[in-house]
Amino acid sequence: MVYEIAQFPVLREHIEPFKRAFTEVAPLLVRAKGYEGHLLAQGIENPELFNLIVRWKTLEDHTPGFEESEDHRMFMMGMEQYFSQEPKVYHIEEVDQHSAPDVVMTVP
């Protein structure tokens, strides 16, 4: 399983319209091959920064899969007018914690 993290910097005056726009285009994401769920989170210290975290079956389901699709083009078109700069995207995967040694944290 792979997680895509997309950081969307939004102009302060466009925060509410951006949230509505995301709700409208989210079905394009949800129907993508390999899609397994998502979370849109707004920054606390920086409320103009939104993080979209998408769970994909494989990296290939996201890129090239969804990223090269017409649905992705429409997904981005529905939100891009609200961005203050170009979004940043990267991918992560879970660390196998069963092979990591147990760590005990003590507090004095």
PDB file of N, CA and C in Angstrom:
ATOM      1  N   MET A   1       0.835  -1.169   0.000  1.00  0.00           N
ATOM      2  CA  MET A   1       0.000   0.000   0.000  1.00  0.00           C
ATOM      3  C   MET A   1       0.890   1.247   0.000  1.00  0.00           C
ATOM      4  N   VAL A   2       0.458   2.234  -0.756  1.00  0.00           N
ATOM      5  CA  VAL A   2       1.215   3.470  -0.912  1.00  0.00           C
ATOM      6  C   VAL A   2       0.311   4.646  -0.565  1.00  0.00           C
ATOM      7  N   TYR A   3       0.900   5.649   0.054  1.00  0.00           N
ATOM      8  CA  TYR A   3       0.167   6.873   0.354  1.00  0.00           C
ATOM      9  C   TYR A   3       0.731   8.012  -0.483  1.00  0.00           C
ATOM     10  N   GLU A   4      -0.151   8.723  -1.130  1.00  0.00           N
ATOM     11  CA  GLU A   4       0.210   9.956  -1.842  1.00  0.00           C
ATOM     12  C   GLU A   4      -0.101  11.100  -0.893  1.00  0.00           C
ATOM     13  N   ILE A   5       0.824  12.021  -0.762  1.00  0.00           N
ATOM     14  CA  ILE A   5       0.565  13.233   0.006  1.00  0.00           C
ATOM     15  C   ILE A   5       0.707  14.407  -0.944  1.00  0.00           C
ATOM     16  N   ALA A   6      -0.395  15.100  -1.147  1.00  0.00           N
ATOM     17  CA  ALA A   6      -0.411  16.278  -2.013  1.00  0.00           C
ATOM     18  C   ALA A   6      -0.649  17.491  -1.131  1.00  0.00           C
ATOM     19  N   GLN A   7       0.255  18.440  -1.207  1.00  0.00           N
ATOM     20  CA  GLN A   7       0.128  19.675  -0.431  1.00  0.00           C
ATOM     21  C   GLN A   7      -0.424  20.758  -1.335  1.00  0.00           C
ATOM     22  N   PHE A   8      -1.593  21.274  -0.966  1.00  0.00           N
ATOM     23  CA  PHE A   8      -2.279  22.301  -1.744  1.00  0.00           C
ATOM     24  C   PHE A   8      -2.227  23.633  -1.003  1.00  0.00           C
ATOM     25  N   PRO A   9      -1.390  24.572  -1.446  1.00  0.00           N
ATOM     26  CA  PRO A   9      -1.383  25.906  -0.841  1.00  0.00           C
ATOM     27  C   PRO A   9      -2.527  26.734  -1.446  1.00  0.00           C
ATOM     28  N   VAL A  10      -3.409  27.225  -0.596  1.00  0.00           N
ATOM     29  CA  VAL A  10      -4.623  27.911  -1.042  1.00  0.00           C
ATOM     30  C   VAL A  10      -4.589  29.358  -0.562  1.00  0.00           C
ATOM     31  N   LEU A  11      -5.019  30.259  -1.413  1.00  0.00           N
ATOM     32  CA  LEU A  11      -5.122  31.659  -1.013  1.00  0.00           C
ATOM     33  C   LEU A  11      -6.127  31.789   0.134  1.00  0.00           C
ATOM     34  N   ARG A  12      -5.786  32.565   1.148  1.00  0.00           N
ATOM     35  CA  ARG A  12      -6.633  32.691   2.355  1.00  0.00           C
ATOM     36  C   ARG A  12      -8.083  33.021   2.009  1.00  0.00           C
ATOM     37  N   GLU A  13      -8.280  33.933   1.079  1.00  0.00           N
ATOM     38  CA  GLU A  13      -9.647  34.345   0.729  1.00  0.00           C
ATOM     39  C   GLU A  13     -10.396  33.283  -0.078  1.00  0.00           C
ATOM     40  N   HIS A  14      -9.701  32.209  -0.463  1.00  0.00           N
ATOM     41  CA  HIS A  14     -10.325  31.151  -1.256  1.00  0.00           C
ATOM     42  C   HIS A  14     -10.474  29.826  -0.504  1.00  0.00           C
ATOM     43  N   ILE A  15     -10.261  29.845   0.805  1.00  0.00           N
ATOM     44  CA  ILE A  15     -10.318  28.601   1.574  1.00  0.00           C
ATOM     45  C   ILE A  15     -11.689  27.930   1.459  1.00  0.00           C
ATOM     46  N   GLU A  16     -12.754  28.644   1.702  1.00  0.00           N
ATOM     47  CA  GLU A  16     -14.090  28.038   1.655  1.00  0.00           C
ATOM     48  C   GLU A  16     -14.474  27.591   0.243  1.00  0.00           C
ATOM     49  N   PRO A  17     -14.236  28.431  -0.795  1.00  0.00           N
ATOM     50  CA  PRO A  17     -14.519  27.952  -2.159  1.00  0.00           C
ATOM     51  C   PRO A  17     -13.682  26.724  -2.533  1.00  0.00           C
ATOM     52  N   PHE A  18     -12.437  26.657  -2.039  1.00  0.00           N
ATOM     53  CA  PHE A  18     -11.601  25.488  -2.310  1.00  0.00           C
ATOM     54  C   PHE A  18     -12.224  24.230  -1.699  1.00  0.00           C
ATOM     55  N   LYS A  19     -12.686  24.324  -0.466  1.00  0.00           N
ATOM     56  CA  LYS A  19     -13.306  23.165   0.185  1.00  0.00           C
ATOM     57  C   LYS A  19     -14.528  22.683  -0.602  1.00  0.00           C
ATOM     58  N   ARG A  20     -15.329  23.621  -1.069  1.00  0.00           N
ATOM     59  CA  ARG A  20     -16.510  23.240  -1.861  1.00  0.00           C
ATOM     60  C   ARG A  20     -16.080  22.599  -3.180  1.00  0.00           C
ATOM     61  N   ALA A  21     -15.069  23.180  -3.819  1.00  0.00           N
ATOM     62  CA  ALA A  21     -14.580  22.639  -5.094  1.00  0.00           C
ATOM     63  C   ALA A  21     -14.044  21.224  -4.905  1.00  0.00           C
ATOM     64  N   PHE A  22     -13.318  20.992  -3.804  1.00  0.00           N
ATOM     65  CA  PHE A  22     -12.788  19.653  -3.560  1.00  0.00           C
ATOM     66  C   PHE A  22     -13.930  18.647  -3.430  1.00  0.00           C
ATOM     67  N   THR A  23     -14.961  19.011  -2.707  1.00  0.00           N
ATOM     68  CA  THR A  23     -16.121  18.124  -2.540  1.00  0.00           C
ATOM     69  C   THR A  23     -16.737  17.771  -3.891  1.00  0.00           C
ATOM     70  N   GLU A  24     -16.751  18.737  -4.797  1.00  0.00           N
ATOM     71  CA  GLU A  24     -17.337  18.496  -6.123  1.00  0.00           C
ATOM     72  C   GLU A  24     -16.486  17.577  -6.992  1.00  0.00           C
ATOM     73  N   VAL A  25     -15.149  17.677  -6.878  1.00  0.00           N
ATOM     74  CA  VAL A  25     -14.286  16.863  -7.743  1.00  0.00           C
ATOM     75  C   VAL A  25     -13.852  15.542  -7.102  1.00  0.00           C
ATOM     76  N   ALA A  26     -14.073  15.373  -5.814  1.00  0.00           N
ATOM     77  CA  ALA A  26     -13.640  14.151  -5.116  1.00  0.00           C
ATOM     78  C   ALA A  26     -14.147  12.862  -5.757  1.00  0.00           C
ATOM     79  N   PRO A  27     -15.378  12.808  -6.301  1.00  0.00           N
ATOM     80  CA  PRO A  27     -15.819  11.560  -6.941  1.00  0.00           C
ATOM     81  C   PRO A  27     -14.919  11.103  -8.094  1.00  0.00           C
ATOM     82  N   LEU A  28     -14.224  12.023  -8.746  1.00  0.00           N
ATOM     83  CA  LEU A  28     -13.294  11.653  -9.820  1.00  0.00           C
ATOM     84  C   LEU A  28     -12.127  10.857  -9.248  1.00  0.00           C
ATOM     85  N   LEU A  29     -11.698  11.218  -8.055  1.00  0.00           N
ATOM     86  CA  LEU A  29     -10.621  10.506  -7.365  1.00  0.00           C
ATOM     87  C   LEU A  29     -11.108   9.153  -6.869  1.00  0.00           C
ATOM     88  N   VAL A  30     -12.263   9.155  -6.246  1.00  0.00           N
ATOM     89  CA  VAL A  30     -12.803   7.945  -5.611  1.00  0.00           C
ATOM     90  C   VAL A  30     -12.991   6.807  -6.607  1.00  0.00           C
ATOM     91  N   ARG A  31     -13.314   7.111  -7.843  1.00  0.00           N
ATOM     92  CA  ARG A  31     -13.560   6.048  -8.828  1.00  0.00           C
ATOM     93  C   ARG A  31     -12.294   5.558  -9.546  1.00  0.00           C
ATOM     94  N   ALA A  32     -11.137   6.105  -9.184  1.00  0.00           N
ATOM     95  CA  ALA A  32      -9.878   5.716  -9.832  1.00  0.00           C
ATOM     96  C   ALA A  32      -9.488   4.284  -9.476  1.00  0.00           C
ATOM     97  N   LYS A  33      -8.890   3.600 -10.426  1.00  0.00           N
ATOM     98  CA  LYS A  33      -8.386   2.240 -10.202  1.00  0.00           C
ATOM     99  C   LYS A  33      -7.325   2.287  -9.102  1.00  0.00           C
ATOM    100  N   GLY A  34      -7.436   1.401  -8.140  1.00  0.00           N
ATOM    101  CA  GLY A  34      -6.450   1.310  -7.070  1.00  0.00           C
ATOM    102  C   GLY A  34      -6.690   2.250  -5.903  1.00  0.00           C
ATOM    103  N   TYR A  35      -7.687   3.117  -5.994  1.00  0.00           N
ATOM    104  CA  TYR A  35      -8.011   4.039  -4.903  1.00  0.00           C
ATOM    105  C   TYR A  35      -8.534   3.242  -3.713  1.00  0.00           C
ATOM    106  N   GLU A  36      -8.027   3.577  -2.513  1.00  0.00           N
ATOM    107  CA  GLU A  36      -8.470   2.865  -1.306  1.00  0.00           C
ATOM    108  C   GLU A  36      -8.913   3.790  -0.181  1.00  0.00           C
ATOM    109  N   GLY A  37      -8.968   5.082  -0.422  1.00  0.00           N
ATOM    110  CA  GLY A  37      -9.431   6.015   0.603  1.00  0.00           C
ATOM    111  C   GLY A  37      -8.617   7.296   0.585  1.00  0.00           C
ATOM    112  N   HIS A  38      -9.189   8.344   1.199  1.00  0.00           N
ATOM    113  CA  HIS A  38      -8.460   9.605   1.271  1.00  0.00           C
ATOM    114  C   HIS A  38      -8.877  10.410   2.490  1.00  0.00           C
ATOM    115  N   LEU A  39      -8.050  11.398   2.803  1.00  0.00           N
ATOM    116  CA  LEU A  39      -8.301  12.344   3.880  1.00  0.00           C
ATOM    117  C   LEU A  39      -7.824  13.700   3.388  1.00  0.00           C
ATOM    118  N   LEU A  40      -8.672  14.707   3.477  1.00  0.00           N
ATOM    119  CA  LEU A  40      -8.263  16.082   3.203  1.00  0.00           C
ATOM    120  C   LEU A  40      -8.138  16.763   4.552  1.00  0.00           C
ATOM    121  N   ALA A  41      -6.949  17.277   4.869  1.00  0.00           N
ATOM    122  CA  ALA A  41      -6.692  17.900   6.168  1.00  0.00           C
ATOM    123  C   ALA A  41      -6.199  19.325   5.978  1.00  0.00           C
ATOM    124  N   GLN A  42      -6.699  20.221   6.829  1.00  0.00           N
ATOM    125  CA  GLN A  42      -6.313  21.632   6.781  1.00  0.00           C
ATOM    126  C   GLN A  42      -5.312  21.910   7.889  1.00  0.00           C
ATOM    127  N   GLY A  43      -4.279  22.690   7.570  1.00  0.00           N
ATOM    128  CA  GLY A  43      -3.268  23.018   8.559  1.00  0.00           C
ATOM    129  C   GLY A  43      -3.837  23.813   9.729  1.00  0.00           C
ATOM    130  N   ILE A  44      -3.287  23.602  10.887  1.00  0.00           N
ATOM    131  CA  ILE A  44      -3.697  24.347  12.080  1.00  0.00           C
ATOM    132  C   ILE A  44      -2.867  25.627  12.177  1.00  0.00           C
ATOM    133  N   GLU A  45      -1.546  25.490  12.166  1.00  0.00           N
ATOM    134  CA  GLU A  45      -0.684  26.674  12.216  1.00  0.00           C
ATOM    135  C   GLU A  45      -0.757  27.474  10.923  1.00  0.00           C
ATOM    136  N   ASN A  46      -0.996  26.772   9.822  1.00  0.00           N
ATOM    137  CA  ASN A  46      -1.058  27.408   8.505  1.00  0.00           C
ATOM    138  C   ASN A  46      -2.340  26.944   7.806  1.00  0.00           C
ATOM    139  N   PRO A  47      -3.476  27.584   8.087  1.00  0.00           N
ATOM    140  CA  PRO A  47      -4.758  27.121   7.529  1.00  0.00           C
ATOM    141  C   PRO A  47      -4.861  27.248   6.009  1.00  0.00           C
ATOM    142  N   GLU A  48      -3.916  27.922   5.377  1.00  0.00           N
ATOM    143  CA  GLU A  48      -3.917  28.021   3.922  1.00  0.00           C
ATOM    144  C   GLU A  48      -3.308  26.793   3.259  1.00  0.00           C
ATOM    145  N   LEU A  49      -2.747  25.886   4.050  1.00  0.00           N
ATOM    146  CA  LEU A  49      -2.107  24.689   3.499  1.00  0.00           C
ATOM    147  C   LEU A  49      -2.977  23.468   3.783  1.00  0.00           C
ATOM    148  N   PHE A  50      -3.421  22.828   2.709  1.00  0.00           N
ATOM    149  CA  PHE A  50      -4.215  21.608   2.808  1.00  0.00           C
ATOM    150  C   PHE A  50      -3.343  20.430   2.396  1.00  0.00           C
ATOM    151  N   ASN A  51      -3.521  19.315   3.075  1.00  0.00           N
ATOM    152  CA  ASN A  51      -2.837  18.074   2.727  1.00  0.00           C
ATOM    153  C   ASN A  51      -3.888  17.056   2.326  1.00  0.00           C
ATOM    154  N   LEU A  52      -3.746  16.550   1.127  1.00  0.00           N
ATOM    155  CA  LEU A  52      -4.593  15.463   0.665  1.00  0.00           C
ATOM    156  C   LEU A  52      -3.775  14.187   0.774  1.00  0.00           C
ATOM    157  N   ILE A  53      -4.254  13.257   1.576  1.00  0.00           N
ATOM    158  CA  ILE A  53      -3.572  11.979   1.758  1.00  0.00           C
ATOM    159  C   ILE A  53      -4.456  10.911   1.126  1.00  0.00           C
ATOM    160  N   VAL A  54      -3.921  10.263   0.091  1.00  0.00           N
ATOM    161  CA  VAL A  54      -4.682   9.251  -0.649  1.00  0.00           C
ATOM    162  C   VAL A  54      -3.992   7.907  -0.491  1.00  0.00           C
ATOM    163  N   ARG A  55      -4.764   6.894  -0.177  1.00  0.00           N
ATOM    164  CA  ARG A  55      -4.235   5.531  -0.068  1.00  0.00           C
ATOM    165  C   ARG A  55      -4.471   4.825  -1.398  1.00  0.00           C
ATOM    166  N   TRP A  56      -3.385   4.329  -2.003  1.00  0.00           N
ATOM    167  CA  TRP A  56      -3.437   3.609  -3.280  1.00  0.00           C
ATOM    168  C   TRP A  56      -2.945   2.189  -3.063  1.00  0.00           C
ATOM    169  N   LYS A  57      -3.480   1.253  -3.861  1.00  0.00           N
ATOM    170  CA  LYS A  57      -2.987  -0.137  -3.811  1.00  0.00           C
ATOM    171  C   LYS A  57      -1.522  -0.188  -4.212  1.00  0.00           C
ATOM    172  N   THR A  58      -1.173   0.508  -5.312  1.00  0.00           N
ATOM    173  CA  THR A  58       0.214   0.523  -5.789  1.00  0.00           C
ATOM    174  C   THR A  58       0.581   1.935  -6.226  1.00  0.00           C
ATOM    175  N   LEU A  59       1.859   2.207  -6.308  1.00  0.00           N
ATOM    176  CA  LEU A  59       2.328   3.500  -6.816  1.00  0.00           C
ATOM    177  C   LEU A  59       1.860   3.696  -8.252  1.00  0.00           C
ATOM    178  N   GLU A  60       1.876   2.622  -9.033  1.00  0.00           N
ATOM    179  CA  GLU A  60       1.476   2.698 -10.432  1.00  0.00           C
ATOM    180  C   GLU A  60       0.000   3.064 -10.600  1.00  0.00           C
ATOM    181  N   ASP A  61      -0.833   2.727  -9.609  1.00  0.00           N
ATOM    182  CA  ASP A  61      -2.234   3.130  -9.680  1.00  0.00           C
ATOM    183  C   ASP A  61      -2.357   4.652  -9.647  1.00  0.00           C
ATOM    184  N   HIS A  62      -1.458   5.299  -8.905  1.00  0.00           N
ATOM    185  CA  HIS A  62      -1.489   6.766  -8.865  1.00  0.00           C
ATOM    186  C   HIS A  62      -0.737   7.363 -10.038  1.00  0.00           C
ATOM    187  N   THR A  63       0.521   6.921 -10.180  1.00  0.00           N
ATOM    188  CA  THR A  63       1.342   7.463 -11.263  1.00  0.00           C
ATOM    189  C   THR A  63       2.069   6.334 -11.962  1.00  0.00           C
ATOM    190  N   PRO A  64       1.778   6.095 -13.189  1.00  0.00           N
ATOM    191  CA  PRO A  64       1.102   6.954 -14.158  1.00  0.00           C
ATOM    192  C   PRO A  64      -0.420   6.861 -14.151  1.00  0.00           C
ATOM    193  N   GLY A  65      -1.002   5.807 -13.564  1.00  0.00           N
ATOM    194  CA  GLY A  65      -2.443   5.561 -13.606  1.00  0.00           C
ATOM    195  C   GLY A  65      -3.345   6.781 -13.566  1.00  0.00           C
ATOM    196  N   PHE A  66      -3.693   7.232 -12.362  1.00  0.00           N
ATOM    197  CA  PHE A  66      -4.623   8.345 -12.208  1.00  0.00           C
ATOM    198  C   PHE A  66      -4.053   9.649 -12.771  1.00  0.00           C
ATOM    199  N   GLU A  67      -2.762   9.908 -12.542  1.00  0.00           N
ATOM    200  CA  GLU A  67      -2.169  11.182 -12.971  1.00  0.00           C
ATOM    201  C   GLU A  67      -2.256  11.415 -14.483  1.00  0.00           C
ATOM    202  N   GLU A  68      -2.277  10.360 -15.263  1.00  0.00           N
ATOM    203  CA  GLU A  68      -2.322  10.527 -16.718  1.00  0.00           C
ATOM    204  C   GLU A  68      -3.742  10.426 -17.278  1.00  0.00           C
ATOM    205  N   SER A  69      -4.728  10.369 -16.400  1.00  0.00           N
ATOM    206  CA  SER A  69      -6.109  10.183 -16.848  1.00  0.00           C
ATOM    207  C   SER A  69      -6.838  11.517 -17.057  1.00  0.00           C
ATOM    208  N   GLU A  70      -7.916  11.439 -17.812  1.00  0.00           N
ATOM    209  CA  GLU A  70      -8.788  12.596 -18.007  1.00  0.00           C
ATOM    210  C   GLU A  70      -9.449  12.979 -16.686  1.00  0.00           C
ATOM    211  N   ASP A  71      -9.766  11.995 -15.837  1.00  0.00           N
ATOM    212  CA  ASP A  71     -10.345  12.295 -14.528  1.00  0.00           C
ATOM    213  C   ASP A  71      -9.394  13.152 -13.691  1.00  0.00           C
ATOM    214  N   HIS A  72      -8.099  12.863 -13.752  1.00  0.00           N
ATOM    215  CA  HIS A  72      -7.126  13.665 -13.002  1.00  0.00           C
ATOM    216  C   HIS A  72      -7.084  15.089 -13.538  1.00  0.00           C
ATOM    217  N   ARG A  73      -7.119  15.225 -14.843  1.00  0.00           N
ATOM    218  CA  ARG A  73      -7.108  16.564 -15.444  1.00  0.00           C
ATOM    219  C   ARG A  73      -8.314  17.359 -14.949  1.00  0.00           C
ATOM    220  N   MET A  74      -9.486  16.752 -14.939  1.00  0.00           N
ATOM    221  CA  MET A  74     -10.698  17.428 -14.476  1.00  0.00           C
ATOM    222  C   MET A  74     -10.644  17.683 -12.963  1.00  0.00           C
ATOM    223  N   PHE A  75     -10.075  16.743 -12.211  1.00  0.00           N
ATOM    224  CA  PHE A  75      -9.913  16.883 -10.770  1.00  0.00           C
ATOM    225  C   PHE A  75      -9.090  18.132 -10.454  1.00  0.00           C
ATOM    226  N   MET A  76      -7.957  18.272 -11.118  1.00  0.00           N
ATOM    227  CA  MET A  76      -7.087  19.423 -10.877  1.00  0.00           C
ATOM    228  C   MET A  76      -7.696  20.724 -11.397  1.00  0.00           C
ATOM    229  N   MET A  77      -8.346  20.666 -12.549  1.00  0.00           N
ATOM    230  CA  MET A  77      -8.981  21.873 -13.100  1.00  0.00           C
ATOM    231  C   MET A  77     -10.014  22.449 -12.135  1.00  0.00           C
ATOM    232  N   GLY A  78     -10.694  21.585 -11.403  1.00  0.00           N
ATOM    233  CA  GLY A  78     -11.716  22.039 -10.475  1.00  0.00           C
ATOM    234  C   GLY A  78     -11.170  22.768  -9.258  1.00  0.00           C
ATOM    235  N   MET A  79      -9.857  22.619  -9.000  1.00  0.00           N
ATOM    236  CA  MET A  79      -9.264  23.225  -7.799  1.00  0.00           C
ATOM    237  C   MET A  79      -8.187  24.260  -8.086  1.00  0.00           C
ATOM    238  N   GLU A  80      -7.551  24.190  -9.248  1.00  0.00           N
ATOM    239  CA  GLU A  80      -6.345  24.978  -9.481  1.00  0.00           C
ATOM    240  C   GLU A  80      -6.522  26.489  -9.373  1.00  0.00           C
ATOM    241  N   GLN A  81      -7.709  26.986  -9.604  1.00  0.00           N
ATOM    242  CA  GLN A  81      -7.911  28.436  -9.511  1.00  0.00           C
ATOM    243  C   GLN A  81      -7.750  28.958  -8.082  1.00  0.00           C
ATOM    244  N   TYR A  82      -7.787  28.057  -7.098  1.00  0.00           N
ATOM    245  CA  TYR A  82      -7.683  28.461  -5.699  1.00  0.00           C
ATOM    246  C   TYR A  82      -6.263  28.349  -5.140  1.00  0.00           C
ATOM    247  N   PHE A  83      -5.341  27.762  -5.897  1.00  0.00           N
ATOM    248  CA  PHE A  83      -3.972  27.568  -5.415  1.00  0.00           C
ATOM    249  C   PHE A  83      -3.184  28.876  -5.438  1.00  0.00           C
ATOM    250  N   SER A  84      -2.383  29.090  -4.394  1.00  0.00           N
ATOM    251  CA  SER A  84      -1.496  30.254  -4.355  1.00  0.00           C
ATOM    252  C   SER A  84      -0.153  29.941  -5.015  1.00  0.00           C
ATOM    253  N   GLN A  85       0.163  28.662  -5.139  1.00  0.00           N
ATOM    254  CA  GLN A  85       1.358  28.201  -5.848  1.00  0.00           C
ATOM    255  C   GLN A  85       1.152  26.748  -6.253  1.00  0.00           C
ATOM    256  N   GLU A  86       2.097  26.217  -6.972  1.00  0.00           N
ATOM    257  CA  GLU A  86       2.002  24.850  -7.478  1.00  0.00           C
ATOM    258  C   GLU A  86       1.967  23.848  -6.329  1.00  0.00           C
ATOM    259  N   PRO A  87       1.035  22.880  -6.357  1.00  0.00           N
ATOM    260  CA  PRO A  87       1.011  21.842  -5.316  1.00  0.00           C
ATOM    261  C   PRO A  87       2.272  20.979  -5.362  1.00  0.00           C
ATOM    262  N   LYS A  88       2.610  20.405  -4.212  1.00  0.00           N
ATOM    263  CA  LYS A  88       3.731  19.468  -4.113  1.00  0.00           C
ATOM    264  C   LYS A  88       3.155  18.100  -3.801  1.00  0.00           C
ATOM    265  N   VAL A  89       3.714  17.077  -4.443  1.00  0.00           N
ATOM    266  CA  VAL A  89       3.221  15.715  -4.262  1.00  0.00           C
ATOM    267  C   VAL A  89       4.398  14.785  -3.993  1.00  0.00           C
ATOM    268  N   TYR A  90       4.225  13.907  -3.017  1.00  0.00           N
ATOM    269  CA  TYR A  90       5.211  12.858  -2.778  1.00  0.00           C
ATOM    270  C   TYR A  90       4.495  11.622  -2.260  1.00  0.00           C
ATOM    271  N   HIS A  91       5.228  10.525  -2.170  1.00  0.00           N
ATOM    272  CA  HIS A  91       4.640   9.242  -1.792  1.00  0.00           C
ATOM    273  C   HIS A  91       5.395   8.656  -0.605  1.00  0.00           C
ATOM    274  N   ILE A  92       4.651   7.938   0.242  1.00  0.00           N
ATOM    275  CA  ILE A  92       5.248   7.257   1.385  1.00  0.00           C
ATOM    276  C   ILE A  92       4.645   5.860   1.491  1.00  0.00           C
ATOM    277  N   GLU A  93       5.304   5.003   2.256  1.00  0.00           N
ATOM    278  CA  GLU A  93       4.747   3.693   2.558  1.00  0.00           C
ATOM    279  C   GLU A  93       5.022   3.392   4.024  1.00  0.00           C
ATOM    280  N   GLU A  94       4.209   2.510   4.584  1.00  0.00           N
ATOM    281  CA  GLU A  94       4.356   2.170   5.994  1.00  0.00           C
ATOM    282  C   GLU A  94       5.652   1.424   6.243  1.00  0.00           C
ATOM    283  N   VAL A  95       6.198   1.630   7.417  1.00  0.00           N
ATOM    284  CA  VAL A  95       7.388   0.919   7.852  1.00  0.00           C
ATOM    285  C   VAL A  95       6.926  -0.341   8.572  1.00  0.00           C
ATOM    286  N   ASP A  96       7.579  -1.450   8.268  1.00  0.00           N
ATOM    287  CA  ASP A  96       7.251  -2.712   8.941  1.00  0.00           C
ATOM    288  C   ASP A  96       7.719  -2.617  10.382  1.00  0.00           C
ATOM    289  N   GLN A  97       6.791  -2.381  11.287  1.00  0.00           N
ATOM    290  CA  GLN A  97       7.138  -2.202  12.695  1.00  0.00           C
ATOM    291  C   GLN A  97       7.384  -3.518  13.414  1.00  0.00           C
ATOM    292  N   HIS A  98       7.016  -4.637  12.783  1.00  0.00           N
ATOM    293  CA  HIS A  98       7.233  -5.940  13.416  1.00  0.00           C
ATOM    294  C   HIS A  98       8.707  -6.323  13.415  1.00  0.00           C
ATOM    295  N   SER A  99       9.475  -5.770  12.479  1.00  0.00           N
ATOM    296  CA  SER A  99      10.896  -6.100  12.426  1.00  0.00           C
ATOM    297  C   SER A  99      11.736  -5.092  13.206  1.00  0.00           C
ATOM    298  N   ALA A 100      11.122  -4.005  13.669  1.00  0.00           N
ATOM    299  CA  ALA A 100      11.856  -2.997  14.440  1.00  0.00           C
ATOM    300  C   ALA A 100      11.960  -3.447  15.895  1.00  0.00           C
ATOM    301  N   PRO A 101      13.085  -3.141  16.541  1.00  0.00           N
ATOM    302  CA  PRO A 101      13.215  -3.512  17.957  1.00  0.00           C
ATOM    303  C   PRO A 101      12.243  -2.701  18.805  1.00  0.00           C
ATOM    304  N   ASP A 102      11.828  -3.323  19.921  1.00  0.00           N
ATOM    305  CA  ASP A 102      10.948  -2.608  20.852  1.00  0.00           C
ATOM    306  C   ASP A 102      11.713  -1.461  21.488  1.00  0.00           C
ATOM    307  N   VAL A 103      11.069  -0.314  21.546  1.00  0.00           N
ATOM    308  CA  VAL A 103      11.694   0.852  22.174  1.00  0.00           C
ATOM    309  C   VAL A 103      10.794   1.287  23.309  1.00  0.00           C
ATOM    310  N   VAL A 104      11.405   1.449  24.467  1.00  0.00           N
ATOM    311  CA  VAL A 104      10.646   1.900  25.616  1.00  0.00           C
ATOM    312  C   VAL A 104      11.128   3.301  25.951  1.00  0.00           C
ATOM    313  N   MET A 105      10.175   4.208  26.065  1.00  0.00           N
ATOM    314  CA  MET A 105      10.510   5.583  26.366  1.00  0.00           C
ATOM    315  C   MET A 105      10.255   5.835  27.840  1.00  0.00           C
ATOM    316  N   THR A 106      11.242   6.348  28.524  1.00  0.00           N
ATOM    317  CA  THR A 106      11.054   6.663  29.934  1.00  0.00           C
ATOM    318  C   THR A 106      11.095   8.165  30.123  1.00  0.00           C
ATOM    319  N   VAL A 107      10.283   8.624  31.051  1.00  0.00           N
ATOM    320  CA  VAL A 107      10.235  10.047  31.369  1.00  0.00           C
ATOM    321  C   VAL A 107      10.720  10.216  32.793  1.00  0.00           C
ATOM    322  N   PRO A 108      11.701  11.083  33.004  1.00  0.00           N
ATOM    323  CA  PRO A 108      12.242  11.256  34.376  1.00  0.00           C
ATOM    324  C   PRO A 108      11.216  11.844  35.318  1.00  0.00           C
TER     325      PRO A 108
END
